[in-house]
Amino acid sequence: MEPTRDYPLFGGAFSATLPPGAIDVSDLRPVPDNQEVFCHRVTDQSLIVELLELQAHAQGEEAARYHFEDVGGVQEARVVQVEAVQPLLLENLALRGCCQEAWILSGKQQVAKENQQVAKYVTLYQALLRLPQYQTDFLLTFNQPPSSGKQEMGIYKPKAQMMFSLYLFLTPSPENRSSLGPENLSLPPWSLGDFEQLVTSLTLHDPNIFGPQ
C-alpha cells in the first residue's frame, strides 16, 4: 500500500501529512494562491486547504457554521445541513502554539455540478483552525461526493473570502482509469482518520506567509 507522506504547502510555509493516493491538483491546472487542493487518484474524494480572512464577528462553533454555510451559499446549494459541530483539542494539533480555537464540523450540501441540472448530496467534513494573531481562519475540507458507476470531472463553485477560489473534484476519466495500474486501482478510499491526520499534522514553518504583523 502506498504510504502517507509529509507534503509542503503554500511554498513550504506549511506542511502536512497527505493520505495515500493524493494528487496535487496544481499539477493539473491553476489553483488560487490561498488554496492547496488534492484529489484521490481513484475515487472522487478531495481535500482542500484554505487560508482565509479571519471572520472575527463569528465566535465559537458559530464560526464553523458560518464557513460551512458560506460555502453552501457560494455554491448555490439547494440544501445546507449541519449534522454536528465539536471542538478539537488544541493539544492534539501541531499548530497548537498559534491556534486559539479549533472546530470540526460534519454536514451535507445538495449541489449541482457546473452545467448539470441534477443536484446531489455531498458530504463535507470541515476543520476550522483559528489563528487570530495572524488574522487568519485556516479551513480544511474533506469532500465525499456520492459515488457512482460513471466517473466524471466537475468543477464546483468555491468559497470566496480572501480571493476567488475553486473547488475541484477531479477523478480519472473512464479512459484514464483503464490505464491505471493495479497499485492504483487497489487504493482504498480516504477515511476520517486520514482527514484527522491531515488536520493534526498541519505545521507552520514560515510565519512570513502572513505578511508583516
N, C-alpha and C. Protein backbone atom coordinates (compact mmCIF):
# COMPACT_ATOMS: atom_id res chain seq x y z
N MET A 1 0.84 -1.20 0.00
CA MET A 1 0.00 0.00 0.00
C MET A 1 0.88 1.25 0.00
N GLU A 2 0.47 2.25 -0.75
CA GLU A 2 1.21 3.50 -0.80
C GLU A 2 1.20 4.17 0.57
N PRO A 3 2.36 4.64 1.05
CA PRO A 3 2.41 5.24 2.39
C PRO A 3 1.90 6.67 2.40
N THR A 4 1.62 7.18 3.60
CA THR A 4 1.35 8.61 3.76
C THR A 4 2.66 9.36 3.55
N ARG A 5 2.56 10.67 3.34
CA ARG A 5 3.78 11.44 3.11
C ARG A 5 3.59 12.87 3.61
N ASP A 6 4.66 13.41 4.18
CA ASP A 6 4.66 14.83 4.54
C ASP A 6 4.82 15.63 3.26
N TYR A 7 4.03 16.69 3.13
CA TYR A 7 3.99 17.43 1.88
C TYR A 7 4.05 18.93 2.17
N PRO A 8 4.91 19.67 1.47
CA PRO A 8 4.98 21.12 1.68
C PRO A 8 3.74 21.82 1.12
N LEU A 9 3.23 22.78 1.86
CA LEU A 9 2.06 23.55 1.45
C LEU A 9 2.40 25.03 1.39
N PHE A 10 1.79 25.73 0.46
CA PHE A 10 1.97 27.18 0.32
C PHE A 10 3.45 27.54 0.24
N GLY A 11 4.13 26.88 -0.69
CA GLY A 11 5.53 27.19 -0.94
C GLY A 11 6.47 26.79 0.17
N GLY A 12 6.04 25.85 1.02
CA GLY A 12 6.87 25.39 2.12
C GLY A 12 6.63 26.13 3.42
N ALA A 13 5.71 27.11 3.41
CA ALA A 13 5.40 27.82 4.65
C ALA A 13 4.72 26.91 5.65
N PHE A 14 4.00 25.90 5.15
CA PHE A 14 3.36 24.87 5.97
C PHE A 14 3.74 23.51 5.43
N SER A 15 3.44 22.49 6.21
CA SER A 15 3.50 21.11 5.73
C SER A 15 2.42 20.32 6.44
N ALA A 16 2.04 19.20 5.85
CA ALA A 16 1.03 18.33 6.45
C ALA A 16 1.20 16.94 5.87
N THR A 17 0.62 15.96 6.56
CA THR A 17 0.69 14.57 6.12
C THR A 17 -0.49 14.27 5.20
N LEU A 18 -0.20 13.91 3.97
CA LEU A 18 -1.23 13.58 3.00
C LEU A 18 -1.50 12.09 3.00
N PRO A 19 -2.75 11.69 2.74
CA PRO A 19 -3.08 10.26 2.69
C PRO A 19 -2.58 9.64 1.39
N PRO A 20 -2.56 8.31 1.32
CA PRO A 20 -2.14 7.64 0.09
C PRO A 20 -3.02 8.01 -1.09
N GLY A 21 -2.42 8.09 -2.26
CA GLY A 21 -3.19 8.33 -3.47
C GLY A 21 -3.56 9.77 -3.70
N ALA A 22 -2.92 10.72 -3.00
CA ALA A 22 -3.27 12.14 -3.16
C ALA A 22 -2.54 12.74 -4.35
N ILE A 23 -3.30 13.37 -5.23
CA ILE A 23 -2.74 14.07 -6.39
C ILE A 23 -2.85 15.57 -6.17
N ASP A 24 -1.77 16.27 -6.35
CA ASP A 24 -1.77 17.73 -6.22
C ASP A 24 -2.43 18.32 -7.46
N VAL A 25 -3.60 18.94 -7.28
CA VAL A 25 -4.37 19.46 -8.41
C VAL A 25 -3.61 20.57 -9.14
N SER A 26 -2.70 21.26 -8.43
CA SER A 26 -1.95 22.33 -9.09
C SER A 26 -1.03 21.79 -10.18
N ASP A 27 -0.77 20.48 -10.17
CA ASP A 27 0.00 19.88 -11.25
C ASP A 27 -0.86 19.68 -12.50
N LEU A 28 -2.19 19.83 -12.36
CA LEU A 28 -3.10 19.60 -13.47
C LEU A 28 -3.68 20.89 -14.02
N ARG A 29 -3.89 21.86 -13.13
CA ARG A 29 -4.46 23.14 -13.55
C ARG A 29 -4.20 24.18 -12.47
N PRO A 30 -4.37 25.47 -12.81
CA PRO A 30 -4.08 26.50 -11.81
C PRO A 30 -4.99 26.40 -10.58
N VAL A 31 -4.41 26.67 -9.43
CA VAL A 31 -5.12 26.71 -8.15
C VAL A 31 -4.80 28.05 -7.50
N PRO A 32 -5.78 28.73 -6.91
CA PRO A 32 -5.53 30.03 -6.27
C PRO A 32 -4.43 29.96 -5.21
N ASP A 33 -3.76 31.09 -5.00
CA ASP A 33 -2.63 31.12 -4.09
C ASP A 33 -3.00 30.79 -2.65
N ASN A 34 -4.26 31.02 -2.27
CA ASN A 34 -4.66 30.77 -0.89
C ASN A 34 -5.21 29.36 -0.69
N GLN A 35 -5.03 28.51 -1.68
CA GLN A 35 -5.55 27.14 -1.61
C GLN A 35 -4.50 26.11 -1.96
N GLU A 36 -4.65 24.94 -1.34
CA GLU A 36 -3.99 23.71 -1.78
C GLU A 36 -5.10 22.69 -1.96
N VAL A 37 -5.15 22.04 -3.11
CA VAL A 37 -6.24 21.13 -3.43
C VAL A 37 -5.66 19.78 -3.85
N PHE A 38 -6.22 18.72 -3.30
CA PHE A 38 -5.76 17.37 -3.61
C PHE A 38 -6.95 16.48 -3.92
N CYS A 39 -6.80 15.61 -4.89
CA CYS A 39 -7.85 14.65 -5.20
C CYS A 39 -7.30 13.24 -5.08
N HIS A 40 -8.19 12.32 -4.78
CA HIS A 40 -7.84 10.91 -4.69
C HIS A 40 -7.56 10.39 -6.09
N ARG A 41 -6.58 9.52 -6.19
CA ARG A 41 -6.17 9.03 -7.50
C ARG A 41 -7.23 8.18 -8.19
N VAL A 42 -8.13 7.59 -7.41
CA VAL A 42 -9.12 6.68 -7.99
C VAL A 42 -10.55 7.12 -7.71
N THR A 43 -10.84 7.50 -6.46
CA THR A 43 -12.20 7.89 -6.10
C THR A 43 -12.44 9.35 -6.44
N ASP A 44 -13.64 9.85 -6.13
CA ASP A 44 -13.96 11.26 -6.39
C ASP A 44 -13.86 12.10 -5.12
N GLN A 45 -13.09 11.64 -4.14
CA GLN A 45 -12.88 12.42 -2.92
C GLN A 45 -11.85 13.52 -3.16
N SER A 46 -11.94 14.58 -2.37
CA SER A 46 -10.97 15.66 -2.48
C SER A 46 -10.72 16.30 -1.13
N LEU A 47 -9.57 16.93 -1.02
CA LEU A 47 -9.15 17.65 0.19
C LEU A 47 -8.77 19.06 -0.21
N ILE A 48 -9.28 20.05 0.52
CA ILE A 48 -8.96 21.44 0.25
C ILE A 48 -8.42 22.08 1.52
N VAL A 49 -7.30 22.76 1.40
CA VAL A 49 -6.70 23.50 2.50
C VAL A 49 -6.71 24.97 2.09
N GLU A 50 -7.32 25.82 2.92
CA GLU A 50 -7.51 27.22 2.55
C GLU A 50 -7.07 28.17 3.66
N LEU A 51 -6.37 29.21 3.25
CA LEU A 51 -6.05 30.33 4.13
C LEU A 51 -7.08 31.42 3.86
N LEU A 52 -7.89 31.74 4.87
CA LEU A 52 -8.98 32.70 4.70
C LEU A 52 -8.86 33.84 5.70
N GLU A 53 -9.49 34.91 5.38
CA GLU A 53 -9.52 36.05 6.29
C GLU A 53 -10.28 35.70 7.56
N LEU A 54 -9.75 36.08 8.70
CA LEU A 54 -10.40 35.82 9.98
C LEU A 54 -11.76 36.48 10.03
N GLN A 55 -12.77 35.70 10.33
CA GLN A 55 -14.13 36.22 10.48
C GLN A 55 -14.39 36.46 11.97
N ALA A 56 -13.90 37.60 12.45
CA ALA A 56 -13.92 37.89 13.88
C ALA A 56 -15.33 38.06 14.42
N HIS A 57 -16.29 38.35 13.56
CA HIS A 57 -17.67 38.54 14.02
C HIS A 57 -18.32 37.23 14.45
N ALA A 58 -17.77 36.10 14.02
CA ALA A 58 -18.32 34.79 14.37
C ALA A 58 -17.42 34.16 15.44
N GLN A 59 -18.03 33.72 16.53
CA GLN A 59 -17.27 33.17 17.64
C GLN A 59 -17.71 31.74 17.94
N GLY A 60 -16.79 30.96 18.52
CA GLY A 60 -17.12 29.61 18.92
C GLY A 60 -17.56 28.75 17.75
N GLU A 61 -18.49 27.84 18.02
CA GLU A 61 -18.94 26.93 16.97
C GLU A 61 -19.70 27.65 15.86
N GLU A 62 -20.17 28.86 16.15
CA GLU A 62 -20.84 29.64 15.11
C GLU A 62 -19.89 30.00 13.98
N ALA A 63 -18.59 30.09 14.28
CA ALA A 63 -17.61 30.36 13.23
C ALA A 63 -17.53 29.18 12.26
N ALA A 64 -17.56 27.97 12.80
CA ALA A 64 -17.54 26.78 11.94
C ALA A 64 -18.80 26.72 11.07
N ARG A 65 -19.94 27.03 11.68
CA ARG A 65 -21.20 27.05 10.93
C ARG A 65 -21.17 28.14 9.85
N TYR A 66 -20.58 29.29 10.19
CA TYR A 66 -20.52 30.38 9.23
C TYR A 66 -19.77 29.96 7.97
N HIS A 67 -18.61 29.36 8.13
CA HIS A 67 -17.82 28.96 6.97
C HIS A 67 -18.53 27.88 6.16
N PHE A 68 -19.18 26.95 6.85
CA PHE A 68 -19.89 25.88 6.15
C PHE A 68 -21.06 26.45 5.34
N GLU A 69 -21.82 27.33 5.97
CA GLU A 69 -22.97 27.91 5.29
C GLU A 69 -22.54 28.87 4.18
N ASP A 70 -21.40 29.52 4.37
CA ASP A 70 -20.89 30.40 3.33
C ASP A 70 -20.50 29.60 2.09
N VAL A 71 -19.91 28.45 2.31
CA VAL A 71 -19.60 27.55 1.19
C VAL A 71 -20.87 27.19 0.44
N GLY A 72 -21.91 26.83 1.20
CA GLY A 72 -23.18 26.47 0.57
C GLY A 72 -23.77 27.62 -0.22
N GLY A 73 -23.65 28.84 0.30
CA GLY A 73 -24.19 29.98 -0.40
C GLY A 73 -23.46 30.25 -1.70
N VAL A 74 -22.14 30.17 -1.67
CA VAL A 74 -21.35 30.41 -2.87
C VAL A 74 -21.62 29.34 -3.92
N GLN A 75 -21.82 28.11 -3.46
CA GLN A 75 -22.07 27.01 -4.40
C GLN A 75 -23.53 26.92 -4.82
N GLU A 76 -24.35 27.84 -4.29
CA GLU A 76 -25.78 27.83 -4.59
C GLU A 76 -26.40 26.48 -4.24
N ALA A 77 -25.99 25.97 -3.09
CA ALA A 77 -26.52 24.69 -2.62
C ALA A 77 -28.02 24.80 -2.34
N ARG A 78 -28.77 23.82 -2.75
CA ARG A 78 -30.21 23.82 -2.53
C ARG A 78 -30.53 23.44 -1.09
N VAL A 79 -29.66 22.65 -0.48
CA VAL A 79 -29.82 22.26 0.92
C VAL A 79 -28.46 22.37 1.60
N VAL A 80 -28.42 22.99 2.77
CA VAL A 80 -27.21 23.08 3.59
C VAL A 80 -27.57 22.55 4.96
N GLN A 81 -27.02 21.43 5.33
CA GLN A 81 -27.43 20.75 6.55
C GLN A 81 -26.22 20.46 7.43
N VAL A 82 -26.15 21.12 8.58
CA VAL A 82 -25.10 20.84 9.56
C VAL A 82 -25.54 19.66 10.42
N GLU A 83 -24.71 18.67 10.52
CA GLU A 83 -25.06 17.48 11.31
C GLU A 83 -24.45 17.50 12.70
N ALA A 84 -23.23 18.02 12.81
CA ALA A 84 -22.57 18.05 14.12
C ALA A 84 -21.42 19.04 14.09
N VAL A 85 -21.20 19.70 15.23
CA VAL A 85 -20.05 20.59 15.42
C VAL A 85 -19.43 20.26 16.77
N GLN A 86 -18.13 20.02 16.77
CA GLN A 86 -17.46 19.68 18.01
C GLN A 86 -16.12 20.41 18.09
N PRO A 87 -15.68 20.76 19.31
CA PRO A 87 -14.35 21.37 19.44
C PRO A 87 -13.25 20.34 19.26
N LEU A 88 -12.12 20.79 18.75
CA LEU A 88 -10.93 19.95 18.65
C LEU A 88 -9.98 20.31 19.77
N LEU A 89 -9.35 19.31 20.35
CA LEU A 89 -8.38 19.55 21.41
C LEU A 89 -7.13 20.17 20.82
N LEU A 90 -6.79 21.36 21.30
CA LEU A 90 -5.62 22.05 20.76
C LEU A 90 -4.34 21.26 21.01
N GLU A 91 -4.30 20.52 22.10
CA GLU A 91 -3.08 19.78 22.43
C GLU A 91 -2.76 18.71 21.39
N ASN A 92 -3.75 18.33 20.57
CA ASN A 92 -3.51 17.32 19.54
C ASN A 92 -3.03 17.93 18.22
N LEU A 93 -2.98 19.25 18.14
CA LEU A 93 -2.63 19.93 16.89
C LEU A 93 -1.17 20.35 16.87
N ALA A 94 -0.52 20.16 15.74
CA ALA A 94 0.83 20.68 15.58
C ALA A 94 0.82 22.21 15.59
N LEU A 95 -0.32 22.81 15.26
CA LEU A 95 -0.46 24.27 15.25
C LEU A 95 -0.91 24.84 16.60
N ARG A 96 -0.84 24.05 17.66
CA ARG A 96 -1.39 24.48 18.95
C ARG A 96 -0.72 25.75 19.47
N GLY A 97 0.51 26.04 19.03
CA GLY A 97 1.20 27.22 19.53
C GLY A 97 0.60 28.52 19.05
N CYS A 98 -0.10 28.50 17.91
CA CYS A 98 -0.68 29.74 17.38
C CYS A 98 -2.17 29.62 17.10
N CYS A 99 -2.74 28.45 17.34
CA CYS A 99 -4.18 28.24 17.12
C CYS A 99 -4.94 28.51 18.41
N GLN A 100 -5.85 29.48 18.37
CA GLN A 100 -6.59 29.85 19.58
C GLN A 100 -7.75 28.90 19.86
N GLU A 101 -8.42 28.45 18.80
CA GLU A 101 -9.51 27.50 18.95
C GLU A 101 -9.66 26.72 17.65
N ALA A 102 -10.25 25.53 17.75
CA ALA A 102 -10.40 24.67 16.58
C ALA A 102 -11.71 23.90 16.68
N TRP A 103 -12.34 23.71 15.52
CA TRP A 103 -13.63 23.05 15.46
C TRP A 103 -13.68 22.06 14.30
N ILE A 104 -14.45 21.00 14.47
CA ILE A 104 -14.70 20.05 13.40
C ILE A 104 -16.19 20.00 13.15
N LEU A 105 -16.58 20.13 11.90
CA LEU A 105 -17.99 20.14 11.52
C LEU A 105 -18.24 19.07 10.47
N SER A 106 -19.37 18.41 10.58
CA SER A 106 -19.80 17.48 9.54
C SER A 106 -21.17 17.92 9.04
N GLY A 107 -21.39 17.75 7.76
CA GLY A 107 -22.67 18.16 7.20
C GLY A 107 -22.82 17.70 5.76
N LYS A 108 -23.95 18.07 5.18
CA LYS A 108 -24.23 17.72 3.79
C LYS A 108 -24.75 18.96 3.06
N GLN A 109 -24.44 19.00 1.78
CA GLN A 109 -24.96 20.05 0.92
C GLN A 109 -25.44 19.43 -0.38
N GLN A 110 -26.57 19.91 -0.86
CA GLN A 110 -27.10 19.42 -2.13
C GLN A 110 -26.68 20.39 -3.22
N VAL A 111 -25.76 19.95 -4.05
CA VAL A 111 -25.12 20.82 -5.03
C VAL A 111 -25.13 20.16 -6.40
N ALA A 112 -25.33 20.97 -7.42
CA ALA A 112 -25.24 20.50 -8.80
C ALA A 112 -23.90 20.91 -9.37
N LYS A 113 -23.25 19.99 -10.06
CA LYS A 113 -22.01 20.33 -10.72
C LYS A 113 -22.29 21.31 -11.85
N GLU A 114 -21.24 22.01 -12.23
CA GLU A 114 -21.38 23.00 -13.29
C GLU A 114 -21.94 22.35 -14.56
N ASN A 115 -22.89 23.04 -15.18
CA ASN A 115 -23.53 22.58 -16.43
C ASN A 115 -24.39 21.34 -16.24
N GLN A 116 -24.77 21.06 -15.00
CA GLN A 116 -25.65 19.93 -14.74
C GLN A 116 -26.86 20.42 -13.95
N GLN A 117 -28.00 19.80 -14.20
CA GLN A 117 -29.24 20.20 -13.55
C GLN A 117 -29.51 19.43 -12.27
N VAL A 118 -29.05 18.19 -12.23
CA VAL A 118 -29.35 17.32 -11.09
C VAL A 118 -28.41 17.64 -9.94
N ALA A 119 -29.00 17.98 -8.79
CA ALA A 119 -28.22 18.27 -7.59
C ALA A 119 -28.10 17.01 -6.74
N LYS A 120 -26.89 16.74 -6.27
CA LYS A 120 -26.65 15.56 -5.45
C LYS A 120 -26.08 15.99 -4.10
N TYR A 121 -26.31 15.15 -3.12
CA TYR A 121 -25.80 15.43 -1.79
C TYR A 121 -24.30 15.13 -1.73
N VAL A 122 -23.56 16.08 -1.20
CA VAL A 122 -22.13 15.93 -0.96
C VAL A 122 -21.90 15.99 0.54
N THR A 123 -21.20 15.01 1.07
CA THR A 123 -20.85 15.00 2.49
C THR A 123 -19.55 15.77 2.67
N LEU A 124 -19.55 16.71 3.59
CA LEU A 124 -18.37 17.51 3.86
C LEU A 124 -17.99 17.41 5.33
N TYR A 125 -16.70 17.31 5.56
CA TYR A 125 -16.13 17.43 6.91
C TYR A 125 -15.19 18.62 6.86
N GLN A 126 -15.39 19.57 7.76
CA GLN A 126 -14.56 20.77 7.78
C GLN A 126 -13.91 20.94 9.14
N ALA A 127 -12.63 21.23 9.11
CA ALA A 127 -11.90 21.59 10.32
C ALA A 127 -11.53 23.06 10.22
N LEU A 128 -11.89 23.82 11.23
CA LEU A 128 -11.59 25.25 11.27
C LEU A 128 -10.56 25.50 12.37
N LEU A 129 -9.39 25.99 11.99
CA LEU A 129 -8.35 26.35 12.94
C LEU A 129 -8.22 27.87 12.91
N ARG A 130 -8.42 28.50 14.05
CA ARG A 130 -8.47 29.96 14.10
C ARG A 130 -7.15 30.53 14.61
N LEU A 131 -6.55 31.40 13.80
CA LEU A 131 -5.26 31.99 14.12
C LEU A 131 -5.41 33.52 14.18
N PRO A 132 -6.01 34.05 15.25
CA PRO A 132 -6.29 35.49 15.32
C PRO A 132 -5.04 36.35 15.28
N GLN A 133 -3.92 35.87 15.79
CA GLN A 133 -2.71 36.68 15.77
C GLN A 133 -2.23 36.95 14.35
N TYR A 134 -2.67 36.10 13.42
CA TYR A 134 -2.35 36.29 12.01
C TYR A 134 -3.57 36.71 11.19
N GLN A 135 -4.67 37.03 11.88
CA GLN A 135 -5.90 37.45 11.21
C GLN A 135 -6.34 36.43 10.16
N THR A 136 -6.24 35.14 10.53
CA THR A 136 -6.47 34.07 9.56
C THR A 136 -7.38 32.98 10.13
N ASP A 137 -8.29 32.53 9.32
CA ASP A 137 -9.04 31.30 9.56
C ASP A 137 -8.50 30.24 8.61
N PHE A 138 -8.01 29.15 9.16
CA PHE A 138 -7.48 28.05 8.36
C PHE A 138 -8.59 27.02 8.21
N LEU A 139 -9.06 26.80 7.00
CA LEU A 139 -10.17 25.89 6.75
C LEU A 139 -9.69 24.69 5.95
N LEU A 140 -9.91 23.51 6.49
CA LEU A 140 -9.57 22.26 5.81
C LEU A 140 -10.87 21.50 5.55
N THR A 141 -11.07 21.06 4.33
CA THR A 141 -12.32 20.42 3.93
C THR A 141 -12.05 19.07 3.29
N PHE A 142 -12.82 18.09 3.72
CA PHE A 142 -12.79 16.73 3.16
C PHE A 142 -14.13 16.51 2.48
N ASN A 143 -14.11 16.39 1.16
CA ASN A 143 -15.33 16.24 0.37
C ASN A 143 -15.54 14.79 -0.04
N GLN A 144 -16.75 14.31 0.15
CA GLN A 144 -17.11 12.98 -0.28
C GLN A 144 -18.37 13.05 -1.14
N PRO A 145 -18.24 13.37 -2.43
CA PRO A 145 -19.40 13.35 -3.31
C PRO A 145 -19.95 11.94 -3.41
N PRO A 146 -21.23 11.81 -3.81
CA PRO A 146 -21.81 10.48 -3.92
C PRO A 146 -21.09 9.67 -4.98
N SER A 147 -20.86 8.40 -4.68
CA SER A 147 -20.18 7.53 -5.64
C SER A 147 -21.16 7.09 -6.71
N SER A 148 -20.65 6.85 -7.87
CA SER A 148 -21.48 6.38 -8.98
C SER A 148 -20.63 5.54 -9.90
N GLY A 149 -21.28 4.80 -10.76
CA GLY A 149 -20.56 3.96 -11.69
C GLY A 149 -19.85 4.77 -12.76
N LYS A 150 -20.41 5.91 -13.10
CA LYS A 150 -19.82 6.75 -14.13
C LYS A 150 -18.97 7.81 -13.47
N GLN A 151 -17.68 7.80 -13.78
CA GLN A 151 -16.77 8.77 -13.22
C GLN A 151 -16.81 10.05 -14.04
N GLU A 152 -16.77 11.18 -13.34
CA GLU A 152 -16.89 12.46 -14.02
C GLU A 152 -15.82 13.41 -13.52
N MET A 153 -15.60 14.45 -14.29
CA MET A 153 -14.77 15.57 -13.84
C MET A 153 -15.69 16.77 -13.74
N GLY A 154 -15.73 17.39 -12.58
CA GLY A 154 -16.63 18.52 -12.40
C GLY A 154 -15.94 19.64 -11.66
N ILE A 155 -16.50 20.82 -11.78
CA ILE A 155 -15.98 21.99 -11.07
C ILE A 155 -17.09 22.56 -10.21
N TYR A 156 -16.83 22.66 -8.92
CA TYR A 156 -17.80 23.25 -8.01
C TYR A 156 -17.44 24.71 -7.77
N LYS A 157 -18.45 25.52 -7.61
CA LYS A 157 -18.19 26.91 -7.26
C LYS A 157 -17.53 26.95 -5.89
N PRO A 158 -16.68 27.93 -5.66
CA PRO A 158 -15.84 27.93 -4.48
C PRO A 158 -16.34 28.83 -3.36
N LYS A 159 -15.62 28.74 -2.25
CA LYS A 159 -15.77 29.70 -1.16
C LYS A 159 -14.87 30.87 -1.52
N ALA A 160 -15.37 32.07 -1.42
CA ALA A 160 -14.55 33.23 -1.79
C ALA A 160 -14.51 34.19 -0.63
N GLN A 161 -13.32 34.39 -0.04
CA GLN A 161 -13.16 35.38 1.01
C GLN A 161 -11.90 36.18 0.72
N MET A 162 -10.71 35.58 0.86
CA MET A 162 -9.51 36.34 0.56
C MET A 162 -9.41 36.58 -0.95
N MET A 163 -9.87 35.62 -1.74
CA MET A 163 -9.84 35.76 -3.19
C MET A 163 -10.77 34.71 -3.76
N PHE A 164 -11.10 34.84 -5.03
CA PHE A 164 -11.96 33.86 -5.67
C PHE A 164 -11.20 32.55 -5.77
N SER A 165 -11.82 31.45 -5.38
CA SER A 165 -11.13 30.17 -5.35
C SER A 165 -11.99 29.10 -6.00
N LEU A 166 -11.38 27.93 -6.16
CA LEU A 166 -12.06 26.84 -6.86
C LEU A 166 -12.12 25.61 -5.98
N TYR A 167 -13.27 24.93 -6.05
CA TYR A 167 -13.36 23.58 -5.54
C TYR A 167 -13.26 22.68 -6.75
N LEU A 168 -12.31 21.78 -6.74
CA LEU A 168 -12.11 20.91 -7.88
C LEU A 168 -12.30 19.47 -7.43
N PHE A 169 -13.29 18.84 -7.96
CA PHE A 169 -13.48 17.42 -7.70
C PHE A 169 -13.02 16.71 -8.96
N LEU A 170 -11.85 16.14 -8.92
CA LEU A 170 -11.28 15.53 -10.11
C LEU A 170 -11.17 14.04 -9.92
N THR A 171 -11.61 13.29 -10.90
CA THR A 171 -11.47 11.86 -10.89
C THR A 171 -11.02 11.41 -12.26
N PRO A 172 -10.36 10.27 -12.34
CA PRO A 172 -9.91 9.80 -13.64
C PRO A 172 -11.10 9.54 -14.56
N SER A 173 -10.94 9.93 -15.80
CA SER A 173 -11.96 9.61 -16.79
C SER A 173 -11.95 8.11 -17.04
N PRO A 174 -13.02 7.54 -17.63
CA PRO A 174 -13.01 6.11 -17.91
C PRO A 174 -11.81 5.70 -18.75
N GLU A 175 -11.37 6.60 -19.68
CA GLU A 175 -10.23 6.25 -20.50
C GLU A 175 -8.95 6.16 -19.67
N ASN A 176 -8.77 7.17 -18.79
CA ASN A 176 -7.58 7.17 -17.95
C ASN A 176 -7.63 6.09 -16.89
N ARG A 177 -8.84 5.79 -16.40
CA ARG A 177 -8.98 4.75 -15.39
C ARG A 177 -8.49 3.41 -15.92
N SER A 178 -8.76 3.14 -17.17
CA SER A 178 -8.37 1.86 -17.74
C SER A 178 -6.86 1.71 -17.82
N SER A 179 -6.13 2.86 -17.82
CA SER A 179 -4.68 2.82 -17.92
C SER A 179 -4.01 2.79 -16.55
N LEU A 180 -4.80 2.92 -15.46
CA LEU A 180 -4.21 2.88 -14.13
C LEU A 180 -3.72 1.48 -13.82
N GLY A 181 -2.57 1.42 -13.16
CA GLY A 181 -2.02 0.13 -12.80
C GLY A 181 -2.75 -0.47 -11.61
N PRO A 182 -2.51 -1.77 -11.34
CA PRO A 182 -3.18 -2.45 -10.22
C PRO A 182 -2.91 -1.76 -8.89
N GLU A 183 -1.72 -1.14 -8.73
CA GLU A 183 -1.40 -0.48 -7.46
C GLU A 183 -2.29 0.71 -7.21
N ASN A 184 -2.78 1.36 -8.28
CA ASN A 184 -3.67 2.49 -8.13
C ASN A 184 -5.10 2.05 -7.91
N LEU A 185 -5.52 1.05 -8.66
CA LEU A 185 -6.90 0.58 -8.54
C LEU A 185 -7.17 -0.03 -7.18
N SER A 186 -6.12 -0.46 -6.48
CA SER A 186 -6.31 -1.07 -5.17
C SER A 186 -6.27 -0.06 -4.04
N LEU A 187 -6.05 1.20 -4.36
CA LEU A 187 -6.02 2.22 -3.31
C LEU A 187 -7.38 2.32 -2.64
N PRO A 188 -7.42 2.24 -1.31
CA PRO A 188 -8.71 2.38 -0.61
C PRO A 188 -9.16 3.82 -0.59
N PRO A 189 -10.45 4.06 -0.42
CA PRO A 189 -10.95 5.44 -0.25
C PRO A 189 -10.35 6.05 1.01
N TRP A 190 -10.28 7.37 1.03
CA TRP A 190 -9.82 8.05 2.23
C TRP A 190 -10.86 7.95 3.34
N SER A 191 -10.39 7.95 4.56
CA SER A 191 -11.26 7.83 5.73
C SER A 191 -11.17 9.10 6.57
N LEU A 192 -12.03 9.18 7.58
CA LEU A 192 -11.95 10.29 8.52
C LEU A 192 -10.62 10.29 9.26
N GLY A 193 -10.06 9.11 9.44
CA GLY A 193 -8.74 9.02 10.08
C GLY A 193 -7.67 9.71 9.24
N ASP A 194 -7.78 9.59 7.91
CA ASP A 194 -6.84 10.27 7.03
C ASP A 194 -7.00 11.79 7.16
N PHE A 195 -8.26 12.23 7.23
CA PHE A 195 -8.51 13.66 7.37
C PHE A 195 -7.99 14.17 8.71
N GLU A 196 -8.20 13.40 9.76
CA GLU A 196 -7.71 13.78 11.09
C GLU A 196 -6.19 13.93 11.07
N GLN A 197 -5.52 13.00 10.39
CA GLN A 197 -4.06 13.08 10.33
C GLN A 197 -3.60 14.33 9.58
N LEU A 198 -4.32 14.68 8.52
CA LEU A 198 -4.01 15.91 7.79
C LEU A 198 -4.14 17.13 8.71
N VAL A 199 -5.24 17.18 9.44
CA VAL A 199 -5.52 18.34 10.30
C VAL A 199 -4.51 18.44 11.44
N THR A 200 -4.27 17.35 12.12
CA THR A 200 -3.40 17.39 13.30
C THR A 200 -1.93 17.57 12.93
N SER A 201 -1.54 17.17 11.72
CA SER A 201 -0.13 17.27 11.32
C SER A 201 0.22 18.62 10.71
N LEU A 202 -0.77 19.45 10.44
CA LEU A 202 -0.53 20.74 9.80
C LEU A 202 0.43 21.57 10.64
N THR A 203 1.55 21.93 10.04
CA THR A 203 2.65 22.58 10.77
C THR A 203 3.06 23.87 10.07
N LEU A 204 3.26 24.93 10.85
CA LEU A 204 3.73 26.21 10.33
C LEU A 204 5.25 26.26 10.39
N HIS A 205 5.89 26.57 9.26
CA HIS A 205 7.33 26.69 9.20
C HIS A 205 7.79 28.13 8.97
N ASP A 206 6.99 28.94 8.31
CA ASP A 206 7.40 30.30 7.99
C ASP A 206 6.24 31.28 8.20
N PRO A 207 6.22 31.96 9.36
CA PRO A 207 5.14 32.92 9.64
C PRO A 207 5.11 34.11 8.68
N ASN A 208 6.17 34.31 7.91
CA ASN A 208 6.19 35.42 6.98
C ASN A 208 5.13 35.31 5.89
N ILE A 209 4.56 34.13 5.75
CA ILE A 209 3.49 33.97 4.77
C ILE A 209 2.31 34.89 5.09
N PHE A 210 2.16 35.25 6.35
CA PHE A 210 1.04 36.10 6.77
C PHE A 210 1.33 37.60 6.58
N GLY A 211 2.55 37.91 6.16
CA GLY A 211 2.91 39.31 5.98
C GLY A 211 3.31 39.96 7.29
N PRO A 212 3.60 41.26 7.27
CA PRO A 212 4.01 41.97 8.50
C PRO A 212 2.92 41.91 9.56
N GLN A 213 3.32 41.64 10.80
CA GLN A 213 2.35 41.56 11.90
C GLN A 213 2.51 42.76 12.84
